[in-house]
PDB file of N, CA and C in Angstrom:
ATOM      1  N   UNK A   1     109.350  64.377  43.299  1.00  0.00           N
ATOM      2  CA  UNK A   1     109.581  65.584  42.533  1.00  0.00           C
ATOM      3  C   UNK A   1     108.325  65.881  41.712  1.00  0.00           C
ATOM      4  N   UNK A   2     107.944  67.146  41.695  1.00  0.00           N
ATOM      5  CA  UNK A   2     106.840  67.607  40.862  1.00  0.00           C
ATOM      6  C   UNK A   2     107.429  68.530  39.822  1.00  0.00           C
ATOM      7  N   UNK A   3     106.999  68.418  38.578  1.00  0.00           N
ATOM      8  CA  UNK A   3     107.606  69.205  37.514  1.00  0.00           C
ATOM      9  C   UNK A   3     106.596  70.118  36.839  1.00  0.00           C
ATOM     10  N   UNK A   4     107.100  71.227  36.398  1.00  0.00           N
ATOM     11  CA  UNK A   4     106.322  72.203  35.644  1.00  0.00           C
ATOM     12  C   UNK A   4     107.205  72.639  34.492  1.00  0.00           C
ATOM     13  N   UNK A   5     106.851  72.247  33.265  1.00  0.00           N
ATOM     14  CA  UNK A   5     107.705  72.530  32.114  1.00  0.00           C
ATOM     15  C   UNK A   5     107.207  73.677  31.243  1.00  0.00           C
ATOM     16  N   UNK A   6     106.139  74.316  31.634  1.00  0.00           N
ATOM     17  CA  UNK A   6     105.567  75.386  30.834  1.00  0.00           C
ATOM     18  C   UNK A   6     106.388  76.664  30.976  1.00  0.00           C
ATOM     19  N   UNK A   7     106.643  77.324  29.868  1.00  0.00           N
ATOM     20  CA  UNK A   7     107.296  78.634  29.897  1.00  0.00           C
ATOM     21  C   UNK A   7     106.225  79.690  30.113  1.00  0.00           C
ATOM     22  N   UNK A   8     106.441  80.558  31.088  1.00  0.00           N
ATOM     23  CA  UNK A   8     105.524  81.647  31.394  1.00  0.00           C
ATOM     24  C   UNK A   8     106.210  82.975  31.110  1.00  0.00           C
ATOM     25  N   UNK A   9     105.443  84.011  30.758  1.00  0.00           N
ATOM     26  CA  UNK A   9     106.055  85.335  30.599  1.00  0.00           C
ATOM     27  C   UNK A   9     106.649  85.773  31.948  1.00  0.00           C
ATOM     28  N   UNK A  10     107.829  86.341  31.906  1.00  0.00           N
ATOM     29  CA  UNK A  10     108.485  86.771  33.148  1.00  0.00           C
ATOM     30  C   UNK A  10     108.002  88.171  33.510  1.00  0.00           C
ATOM     31  N   UNK A  11     106.793  88.192  34.029  1.00  0.00           N
ATOM     32  CA  UNK A  11     106.169  89.435  34.459  1.00  0.00           C
ATOM     33  C   UNK A  11     105.713  89.253  35.902  1.00  0.00           C
ATOM     34  N   UNK A  12     105.509  90.354  36.580  1.00  0.00           N
ATOM     35  CA  UNK A  12     105.078  90.297  37.972  1.00  0.00           C
ATOM     36  C   UNK A  12     103.789  89.494  38.122  1.00  0.00           C
ATOM     37  N   UNK A  13     102.883  89.628  37.165  1.00  0.00           N
ATOM     38  CA  UNK A  13     101.603  88.913  37.206  1.00  0.00           C
ATOM     39  C   UNK A  13     101.808  87.403  37.308  1.00  0.00           C
ATOM     40  N   UNK A  14     102.698  86.856  36.493  1.00  0.00           N
ATOM     41  CA  UNK A  14     102.927  85.406  36.498  1.00  0.00           C
ATOM     42  C   UNK A  14     103.858  84.980  37.632  1.00  0.00           C
ATOM     43  N   UNK A  15     104.829  85.810  37.964  1.00  0.00           N
ATOM     44  CA  UNK A  15     105.763  85.487  39.052  1.00  0.00           C
ATOM     45  C   UNK A  15     105.011  85.375  40.378  1.00  0.00           C
ATOM     46  N   UNK A  16     103.993  86.209  40.584  1.00  0.00           N
ATOM     47  CA  UNK A  16     103.203  86.163  41.823  1.00  0.00           C
ATOM     48  C   UNK A  16     102.490  84.826  42.011  1.00  0.00           C
ATOM     49  N   UNK A  17     102.308  84.070  40.941  1.00  0.00           N
ATOM     50  CA  UNK A  17     101.622  82.779  41.013  1.00  0.00           C
ATOM     51  C   UNK A  17     102.550  81.634  41.421  1.00  0.00           C
ATOM     52  N   UNK A  18     103.838  81.919  41.530  1.00  0.00           N
ATOM     53  CA  UNK A  18     104.790  80.875  41.924  1.00  0.00           C
ATOM     54  C   UNK A  18     104.469  80.385  43.330  1.00  0.00           C
ATOM     55  N   UNK A  19     104.664  79.105  43.531  1.00  0.00           N
ATOM     56  CA  UNK A  19     104.370  78.502  44.831  1.00  0.00           C
ATOM     57  C   UNK A  19     105.515  78.729  45.816  1.00  0.00           C
ATOM     58  N   UNK A  20     105.165  78.728  47.097  1.00  0.00           N
ATOM     59  CA  UNK A  20     106.154  78.879  48.167  1.00  0.00           C
ATOM     60  C   UNK A  20     106.706  77.492  48.489  1.00  0.00           C
ATOM     61  N   UNK A  21     107.512  76.993  47.535  1.00  0.00           N
ATOM     62  CA  UNK A  21     108.088  75.648  47.657  1.00  0.00           C
ATOM     63  C   UNK A  21     109.505  75.684  47.125  1.00  0.00           C
ATOM     64  N   UNK A  22     110.249  74.635  47.422  1.00  0.00           N
ATOM     65  CA  UNK A  22     111.610  74.504  46.918  1.00  0.00           C
ATOM     66  C   UNK A  22     111.560  74.146  45.450  1.00  0.00           C
ATOM     67  N   UNK A  23     112.455  74.728  44.694  1.00  0.00           N
ATOM     68  CA  UNK A  23     112.471  74.413  43.285  1.00  0.00           C
ATOM     69  C   UNK A  23     113.690  74.922  42.557  1.00  0.00           C
ATOM     70  N   UNK A  24     113.732  74.587  41.288  1.00  0.00           N
ATOM     71  CA  UNK A  24     114.759  75.055  40.362  1.00  0.00           C
ATOM     72  C   UNK A  24     114.000  75.811  39.279  1.00  0.00           C
ATOM     73  N   UNK A  25     114.470  77.010  38.973  1.00  0.00           N
ATOM     74  CA  UNK A  25     113.795  77.784  37.945  1.00  0.00           C
ATOM     75  C   UNK A  25     114.785  78.233  36.882  1.00  0.00           C
ATOM     76  N   UNK A  26     114.283  78.384  35.675  1.00  0.00           N
ATOM     77  CA  UNK A  26     115.086  78.842  34.552  1.00  0.00           C
ATOM     78  C   UNK A  26     114.522  80.167  34.076  1.00  0.00           C
ATOM     79  N   UNK A  27     115.402  81.118  33.830  1.00  0.00           N
ATOM     80  CA  UNK A  27     115.033  82.387  33.231  1.00  0.00           C
ATOM     81  C   UNK A  27     115.601  82.389  31.826  1.00  0.00           C
ATOM     82  N   UNK A  28     114.791  82.770  30.849  1.00  0.00           N
ATOM     83  CA  UNK A  28     115.221  82.686  29.455  1.00  0.00           C
ATOM     84  C   UNK A  28     114.854  83.950  28.681  1.00  0.00           C
ATOM     85  N   UNK A  29     115.578  84.157  27.596  1.00  0.00           N
ATOM     86  CA  UNK A  29     115.319  85.275  26.710  1.00  0.00           C
ATOM     87  C   UNK A  29     114.218  84.942  25.726  1.00  0.00           C
ATOM     88  N   UNK A  30     114.011  85.823  24.776  1.00  0.00           N
ATOM     89  CA  UNK A  30     112.942  85.687  23.782  1.00  0.00           C
ATOM     90  C   UNK A  30     112.982  84.345  23.048  1.00  0.00           C
ATOM     91  N   UNK A  31     114.184  83.852  22.737  1.00  0.00           N
ATOM     92  CA  UNK A  31     114.319  82.597  22.000  1.00  0.00           C
ATOM     93  C   UNK A  31     114.297  81.365  22.913  1.00  0.00           C
ATOM     94  N   UNK A  32     114.016  81.568  24.178  1.00  0.00           N
ATOM     95  CA  UNK A  32     113.987  80.525  25.218  1.00  0.00           C
ATOM     96  C   UNK A  32     115.394  80.015  25.558  1.00  0.00           C
ATOM     97  N   UNK A  33     116.427  80.764  25.184  1.00  0.00           N
ATOM     98  CA  UNK A  33     117.788  80.433  25.591  1.00  0.00           C
ATOM     99  C   UNK A  33     117.924  80.770  27.073  1.00  0.00           C
ATOM    100  N   UNK A  34     118.369  79.811  27.871  1.00  0.00           N
ATOM    101  CA  UNK A  34     118.472  79.988  29.315  1.00  0.00           C
ATOM    102  C   UNK A  34     119.584  80.993  29.646  1.00  0.00           C
ATOM    103  N   UNK A  35     119.207  82.001  30.433  1.00  0.00           N
ATOM    104  CA  UNK A  35     120.152  83.039  30.856  1.00  0.00           C
ATOM    105  C   UNK A  35     120.539  82.894  32.325  1.00  0.00           C
ATOM    106  N   UNK A  36     119.702  82.177  33.095  1.00  0.00           N
ATOM    107  CA  UNK A  36     119.976  81.993  34.523  1.00  0.00           C
ATOM    108  C   UNK A  36     119.282  80.739  35.011  1.00  0.00           C
ATOM    109  N   UNK A  37     119.979  79.961  35.840  1.00  0.00           N
ATOM    110  CA  UNK A  37     119.413  78.811  36.531  1.00  0.00           C
ATOM    111  C   UNK A  37     119.429  79.146  38.014  1.00  0.00           C
ATOM    112  N   UNK A  38     118.254  79.156  38.631  1.00  0.00           N
ATOM    113  CA  UNK A  38     118.168  79.495  40.043  1.00  0.00           C
ATOM    114  C   UNK A  38     117.568  78.364  40.844  1.00  0.00           C
ATOM    115  N   UNK A  39     117.704  78.470  42.161  1.00  0.00           N
ATOM    116  CA  UNK A  39     117.135  77.458  43.047  1.00  0.00           C
ATOM    117  C   UNK A  39     116.804  78.101  44.379  1.00  0.00           C
ATOM    118  N   UNK A  40     115.911  77.455  45.111  1.00  0.00           N
ATOM    119  CA  UNK A  40     115.514  77.958  46.418  1.00  0.00           C
ATOM    120  C   UNK A  40     114.008  77.975  46.551  1.00  0.00           C
ATOM    121  N   UNK A  41     113.530  78.757  47.513  1.00  0.00           N
ATOM    122  CA  UNK A  41     112.107  78.965  47.686  1.00  0.00           C
ATOM    123  C   UNK A  41     111.669  79.801  46.490  1.00  0.00           C
ATOM    124  N   UNK A  42     110.955  79.201  45.568  1.00  0.00           N
ATOM    125  CA  UNK A  42     110.643  79.834  44.289  1.00  0.00           C
ATOM    126  C   UNK A  42     109.895  81.150  44.485  1.00  0.00           C
ATOM    127  N   UNK A  43     108.912  81.173  45.353  1.00  0.00           N
ATOM    128  CA  UNK A  43     108.129  82.390  45.570  1.00  0.00           C
ATOM    129  C   UNK A  43     109.008  83.537  46.084  1.00  0.00           C
ATOM    130  N   UNK A  44     110.018  83.216  46.850  1.00  0.00           N
ATOM    131  CA  UNK A  44     110.916  84.233  47.420  1.00  0.00           C
ATOM    132  C   UNK A  44     111.995  84.675  46.425  1.00  0.00           C
ATOM    133  N   UNK A  45     112.566  83.729  45.694  1.00  0.00           N
ATOM    134  CA  UNK A  45     113.724  84.031  44.844  1.00  0.00           C
ATOM    135  C   UNK A  45     113.377  84.515  43.442  1.00  0.00           C
ATOM    136  N   UNK A  46     112.311  84.006  42.868  1.00  0.00           N
ATOM    137  CA  UNK A  46     111.965  84.344  41.485  1.00  0.00           C
ATOM    138  C   UNK A  46     111.789  85.855  41.251  1.00  0.00           C
ATOM    139  N   UNK A  47     111.135  86.598  42.161  1.00  0.00           N
ATOM    140  CA  UNK A  47     110.952  88.039  41.926  1.00  0.00           C
ATOM    141  C   UNK A  47     112.241  88.857  41.988  1.00  0.00           C
ATOM    142  N   UNK A  48     113.301  88.307  42.535  1.00  0.00           N
ATOM    143  CA  UNK A  48     114.553  89.055  42.707  1.00  0.00           C
ATOM    144  C   UNK A  48     115.196  89.470  41.390  1.00  0.00           C
ATOM    145  N   UNK A  49     114.768  88.892  40.287  1.00  0.00           N
ATOM    146  CA  UNK A  49     115.398  89.169  38.997  1.00  0.00           C
ATOM    147  C   UNK A  49     114.504  89.999  38.068  1.00  0.00           C
ATOM    148  N   UNK A  50     113.325  90.373  38.546  1.00  0.00           N
ATOM    149  CA  UNK A  50     112.411  91.182  37.733  1.00  0.00           C
ATOM    150  C   UNK A  50     113.021  92.547  37.419  1.00  0.00           C
ATOM    151  N   UNK A  51     112.614  93.175  36.314  1.00  0.00           N
ATOM    152  CA  UNK A  51     113.104  94.510  35.989  1.00  0.00           C
ATOM    153  C   UNK A  51     112.886  95.481  37.154  1.00  0.00           C
ATOM    154  N   UNK A  52     113.909  96.258  37.439  1.00  0.00           N
ATOM    155  CA  UNK A  52     113.851  97.217  38.539  1.00  0.00           C
ATOM    156  C   UNK A  52     114.286  96.648  39.874  1.00  0.00           C
ATOM    157  N   UNK A  53     114.526  95.336  39.952  1.00  0.00           N
ATOM    158  CA  UNK A  53     114.992  94.699  41.181  1.00  0.00           C
ATOM    159  C   UNK A  53     116.512  94.757  41.242  1.00  0.00           C
ATOM    160  N   UNK A  54     117.087  94.673  42.449  1.00  0.00           N
ATOM    161  CA  UNK A  54     118.554  94.707  42.578  1.00  0.00           C
ATOM    162  C   UNK A  54     119.266  93.615  41.774  1.00  0.00           C
ATOM    163  N   UNK A  55     118.639  92.452  41.638  1.00  0.00           N
ATOM    164  CA  UNK A  55     119.246  91.335  40.903  1.00  0.00           C
ATOM    165  C   UNK A  55     118.691  91.187  39.506  1.00  0.00           C
ATOM    166  N   UNK A  56     118.252  92.292  38.915  1.00  0.00           N
ATOM    167  CA  UNK A  56     117.611  92.243  37.600  1.00  0.00           C
ATOM    168  C   UNK A  56     118.454  91.488  36.581  1.00  0.00           C
ATOM    169  N   UNK A  57     117.796  90.612  35.874  1.00  0.00           N
ATOM    170  CA  UNK A  57     118.442  89.858  34.796  1.00  0.00           C
ATOM    171  C   UNK A  57     117.937  90.434  33.480  1.00  0.00           C
ATOM    172  N   UNK A  58     118.731  91.260  32.876  1.00  0.00           N
ATOM    173  CA  UNK A  58     118.344  91.949  31.648  1.00  0.00           C
ATOM    174  C   UNK A  58     118.104  90.968  30.501  1.00  0.00           C
ATOM    175  N   UNK A  59     117.054  91.205  29.750  1.00  0.00           N
ATOM    176  CA  UNK A  59     116.758  90.376  28.587  1.00  0.00           C
ATOM    177  C   UNK A  59     115.913  89.159  28.882  1.00  0.00           C
ATOM    178  N   UNK A  60     115.522  88.969  30.134  1.00  0.00           N
ATOM    179  CA  UNK A  60     114.701  87.806  30.485  1.00  0.00           C
ATOM    180  C   UNK A  60     113.258  88.066  30.063  1.00  0.00           C
ATOM    181  N   UNK A  61     112.703  87.116  29.340  1.00  0.00           N
ATOM    182  CA  UNK A  61     111.331  87.222  28.849  1.00  0.00           C
ATOM    183  C   UNK A  61     110.423  86.113  29.386  1.00  0.00           C
ATOM    184  N   UNK A  62     111.029  84.963  29.753  1.00  0.00           N
ATOM    185  CA  UNK A  62     110.254  83.798  30.166  1.00  0.00           C
ATOM    186  C   UNK A  62     110.897  83.107  31.364  1.00  0.00           C
ATOM    187  N   UNK A  63     110.091  82.306  32.073  1.00  0.00           N
ATOM    188  CA  UNK A  63     110.608  81.449  33.144  1.00  0.00           C
ATOM    189  C   UNK A  63     109.828  80.149  33.172  1.00  0.00           C
ATOM    190  N   UNK A  64     110.462  79.127  33.719  1.00  0.00           N
ATOM    191  CA  UNK A  64     109.782  77.873  34.011  1.00  0.00           C
ATOM    192  C   UNK A  64     110.313  77.364  35.345  1.00  0.00           C
ATOM    193  N   UNK A  65     109.547  76.505  35.985  1.00  0.00           N
ATOM    194  CA  UNK A  65     109.864  76.047  37.342  1.00  0.00           C
ATOM    195  C   UNK A  65     109.712  74.538  37.442  1.00  0.00           C
ATOM    196  N   UNK A  66     110.576  73.955  38.243  1.00  0.00           N
ATOM    197  CA  UNK A  66     110.484  72.540  38.607  1.00  0.00           C
ATOM    198  C   UNK A  66     110.483  72.513  40.129  1.00  0.00           C
ATOM    199  N   UNK A  67     109.416  72.018  40.747  1.00  0.00           N
ATOM    200  CA  UNK A  67     109.286  71.995  42.203  1.00  0.00           C
ATOM    201  C   UNK A  67     109.778  70.665  42.782  1.00  0.00           C
ATOM    202  N   UNK A  68     110.283  70.743  44.024  1.00  0.00           N
ATOM    203  CA  UNK A  68     110.793  69.562  44.727  1.00  0.00           C
ATOM    204  C   UNK A  68     110.264  69.552  46.153  1.00  0.00           C
ATOM    205  N   UNK A  69     110.368  68.407  46.789  1.00  0.00           N
ATOM    206  CA  UNK A  69     109.872  68.251  48.154  1.00  0.00           C
ATOM    207  C   UNK A  69     110.823  68.810  49.207  1.00  0.00           C
ATOM    208  N   UNK A  70     112.109  68.959  48.867  1.00  0.00           N
ATOM    209  CA  UNK A  70     113.067  69.443  49.863  1.00  0.00           C
ATOM    210  C   UNK A  70     114.134  70.323  49.220  1.00  0.00           C
ATOM    211  N   UNK A  71     114.815  71.085  50.067  1.00  0.00           N
ATOM    212  CA  UNK A  71     115.898  71.936  49.578  1.00  0.00           C
ATOM    213  C   UNK A  71     117.049  71.087  49.046  1.00  0.00           C
ATOM    214  N   UNK A  72     117.271  69.941  49.655  1.00  0.00           N
ATOM    215  CA  UNK A  72     118.345  69.052  49.206  1.00  0.00           C
ATOM    216  C   UNK A  72     118.089  68.546  47.791  1.00  0.00           C
ATOM    217  N   UNK A  73     116.858  68.142  47.514  1.00  0.00           N
ATOM    218  CA  UNK A  73     116.509  67.680  46.170  1.00  0.00           C
ATOM    219  C   UNK A  73     116.684  68.811  45.152  1.00  0.00           C
ATOM    220  N   UNK A  74     116.208  70.000  45.510  1.00  0.00           N
ATOM    221  CA  UNK A  74     116.319  71.150  44.603  1.00  0.00           C
ATOM    222  C   UNK A  74     117.777  71.498  44.338  1.00  0.00           C
ATOM    223  N   UNK A  75     118.600  71.501  45.390  1.00  0.00           N
ATOM    224  CA  UNK A  75     120.009  71.839  45.218  1.00  0.00           C
ATOM    225  C   UNK A  75     120.713  70.807  44.336  1.00  0.00           C
ATOM    226  N   UNK A  76     120.437  69.533  44.549  1.00  0.00           N
ATOM    227  CA  UNK A  76     121.067  68.475  43.750  1.00  0.00           C
ATOM    228  C   UNK A  76     120.661  68.605  42.279  1.00  0.00           C
ATOM    229  N   UNK A  77     119.393  68.895  42.016  1.00  0.00           N
ATOM    230  CA  UNK A  77     118.918  69.058  40.640  1.00  0.00           C
ATOM    231  C   UNK A  77     119.547  70.292  39.996  1.00  0.00           C
ATOM    232  N   UNK A  78     119.670  71.367  40.762  1.00  0.00           N
ATOM    233  CA  UNK A  78     120.293  72.594  40.249  1.00  0.00           C
ATOM    234  C   UNK A  78     121.756  72.343  39.871  1.00  0.00           C
ATOM    235  N   UNK A  79     122.486  71.660  40.751  1.00  0.00           N
ATOM    236  CA  UNK A  79     123.891  71.347  40.440  1.00  0.00           C
ATOM    237  C   UNK A  79     123.999  70.526  39.158  1.00  0.00           C
ATOM    238  N   UNK A  80     123.131  69.532  39.020  1.00  0.00           N
ATOM    239  CA  UNK A  80     123.137  68.691  37.820  1.00  0.00           C
ATOM    240  C   UNK A  80     122.788  69.518  36.573  1.00  0.00           C
ATOM    241  N   UNK A  81     121.804  70.394  36.697  1.00  0.00           N
ATOM    242  CA  UNK A  81     121.411  71.245  35.569  1.00  0.00           C
ATOM    243  C   UNK A  81     122.555  72.180  35.164  1.00  0.00           C
ATOM    244  N   UNK A  82     123.271  72.701  36.143  1.00  0.00           N
ATOM    245  CA  UNK A  82     124.419  73.577  35.855  1.00  0.00           C
ATOM    246  C   UNK A  82     125.520  72.797  35.128  1.00  0.00           C
ATOM    247  N   UNK A  83     125.825  71.598  35.606  1.00  0.00           N
ATOM    248  CA  UNK A  83     126.854  70.772  34.955  1.00  0.00           C
ATOM    249  C   UNK A  83     126.438  70.425  33.527  1.00  0.00           C
ATOM    250  N   UNK A  84     125.174  70.039  33.357  1.00  0.00           N
ATOM    251  CA  UNK A  84     124.675  69.689  32.020  1.00  0.00           C
ATOM    252  C   UNK A  84     124.743  70.885  31.077  1.00  0.00           C
ATOM    253  N   UNK A  85     124.391  72.054  31.572  1.00  0.00           N
ATOM    254  CA  UNK A  85     124.431  73.259  30.746  1.00  0.00           C
ATOM    255  C   UNK A  85     125.855  73.542  30.291  1.00  0.00           C
ATOM    256  N   UNK A  86     126.796  73.474  31.231  1.00  0.00           N
ATOM    257  CA  UNK A  86     128.195  73.750  30.874  1.00  0.00           C
ATOM    258  C   UNK A  86     128.716  72.712  29.886  1.00  0.00           C
ATOM    259  N   UNK A  87     128.348  71.469  30.083  1.00  0.00           N
ATOM    260  CA  UNK A  87     128.789  70.406  29.183  1.00  0.00           C
ATOM    261  C   UNK A  87     128.267  70.652  27.762  1.00  0.00           C
ATOM    262  N   UNK A  88     127.030  71.099  27.666  1.00  0.00           N
ATOM    263  CA  UNK A  88     126.407  71.317  26.364  1.00  0.00           C
ATOM    264  C   UNK A  88     126.876  72.615  25.691  1.00  0.00           C
ATOM    265  N   UNK A  89     127.053  73.686  26.476  1.00  0.00           N
ATOM    266  CA  UNK A  89     127.360  74.995  25.902  1.00  0.00           C
ATOM    267  C   UNK A  89     128.768  75.514  26.218  1.00  0.00           C
ATOM    268  N   UNK A  90     129.565  74.740  26.953  1.00  0.00           N
ATOM    269  CA  UNK A  90     130.958  75.035  27.317  1.00  0.00           C
ATOM    270  C   UNK A  90     131.078  76.188  28.319  1.00  0.00           C
ATOM    271  N   UNK A  91     129.989  76.738  28.764  1.00  0.00           N
ATOM    272  CA  UNK A  91     130.007  77.788  29.775  1.00  0.00           C
ATOM    273  C   UNK A  91     128.697  77.733  30.543  1.00  0.00           C
ATOM    274  N   UNK A  92     128.639  78.483  31.638  1.00  0.00           N
ATOM    275  CA  UNK A  92     127.415  78.542  32.436  1.00  0.00           C
ATOM    276  C   UNK A  92     126.465  79.582  31.851  1.00  0.00           C
ATOM    277  N   UNK A  93     125.190  79.560  32.273  1.00  0.00           N
ATOM    278  CA  UNK A  93     124.280  80.602  31.799  1.00  0.00           C
ATOM    279  C   UNK A  93     124.828  81.994  32.095  1.00  0.00           C
ATOM    280  N   UNK A  94     124.426  82.945  31.300  1.00  0.00           N
ATOM    281  CA  UNK A  94     124.949  84.314  31.346  1.00  0.00           C
ATOM    282  C   UNK A  94     125.002  84.917  32.747  1.00  0.00           C
ATOM    283  N   UNK A  95     123.981  84.736  33.558  1.00  0.00           N
ATOM    284  CA  UNK A  95     123.916  85.380  34.874  1.00  0.00           C
ATOM    285  C   UNK A  95     124.305  84.469  36.042  1.00  0.00           C
ATOM    286  N   UNK A  96     124.807  83.276  35.766  1.00  0.00           N
ATOM    287  CA  UNK A  96     125.250  82.391  36.843  1.00  0.00           C
ATOM    288  C   UNK A  96     126.754  82.507  37.044  1.00  0.00           C
ATOM    289  N   UNK A  97     127.151  82.371  38.301  1.00  0.00           N
ATOM    290  CA  UNK A  97     128.575  82.328  38.632  1.00  0.00           C
ATOM    291  C   UNK A  97     129.042  80.884  38.466  1.00  0.00           C
ATOM    292  N   UNK A  98     130.288  80.681  38.074  1.00  0.00           N
ATOM    293  CA  UNK A  98     130.815  79.308  37.905  1.00  0.00           C
ATOM    294  C   UNK A  98     130.764  78.504  39.198  1.00  0.00           C
ATOM    295  N   UNK A  99     130.529  77.210  39.078  1.00  0.00           N
ATOM    296  CA  UNK A  99     130.568  76.306  40.220  1.00  0.00           C
ATOM    297  C   UNK A  99     131.999  75.973  40.621  1.00  0.00           C
ATOM    298  N   UNK A 100     132.906  76.048  39.665  1.00  0.00           N
ATOM    299  CA  UNK A 100     134.297  75.625  39.890  1.00  0.00           C
ATOM    300  C   UNK A 100     134.972  76.426  40.962  1.00  0.00           C
TER     301      UNK A 100
END
C-alpha cells in the first residue's frame, strides 16, 4: 500500500494530477470534515464529483488519496474506512449510501 495524506484543493487543476491507480479518496469541506469516501481508479472516479459534474458533491473543498496495488486492497480499505466513520460519527459521510 502506498499512502498520500496531503489535503489538496478540490479543483480540476489538482484532480488532473491524480494517478491512474486503485485507491481510496476522501472529499472534505472547508473544515476538512469528510463528506464522501470513494474508491476505484482514482484518475477516473475523482473528477466525477467536481462542480458541474453529474455526481457533484456540493461543499467539497479538499481531497486526499490513498493508493493501493489492487482493487481488492482498495475495496477492503474503503469498507473499513466506512465502518470506522460510522462507528465514530454514528452515520456515513453525507454523500455516501449506507453499506447496510
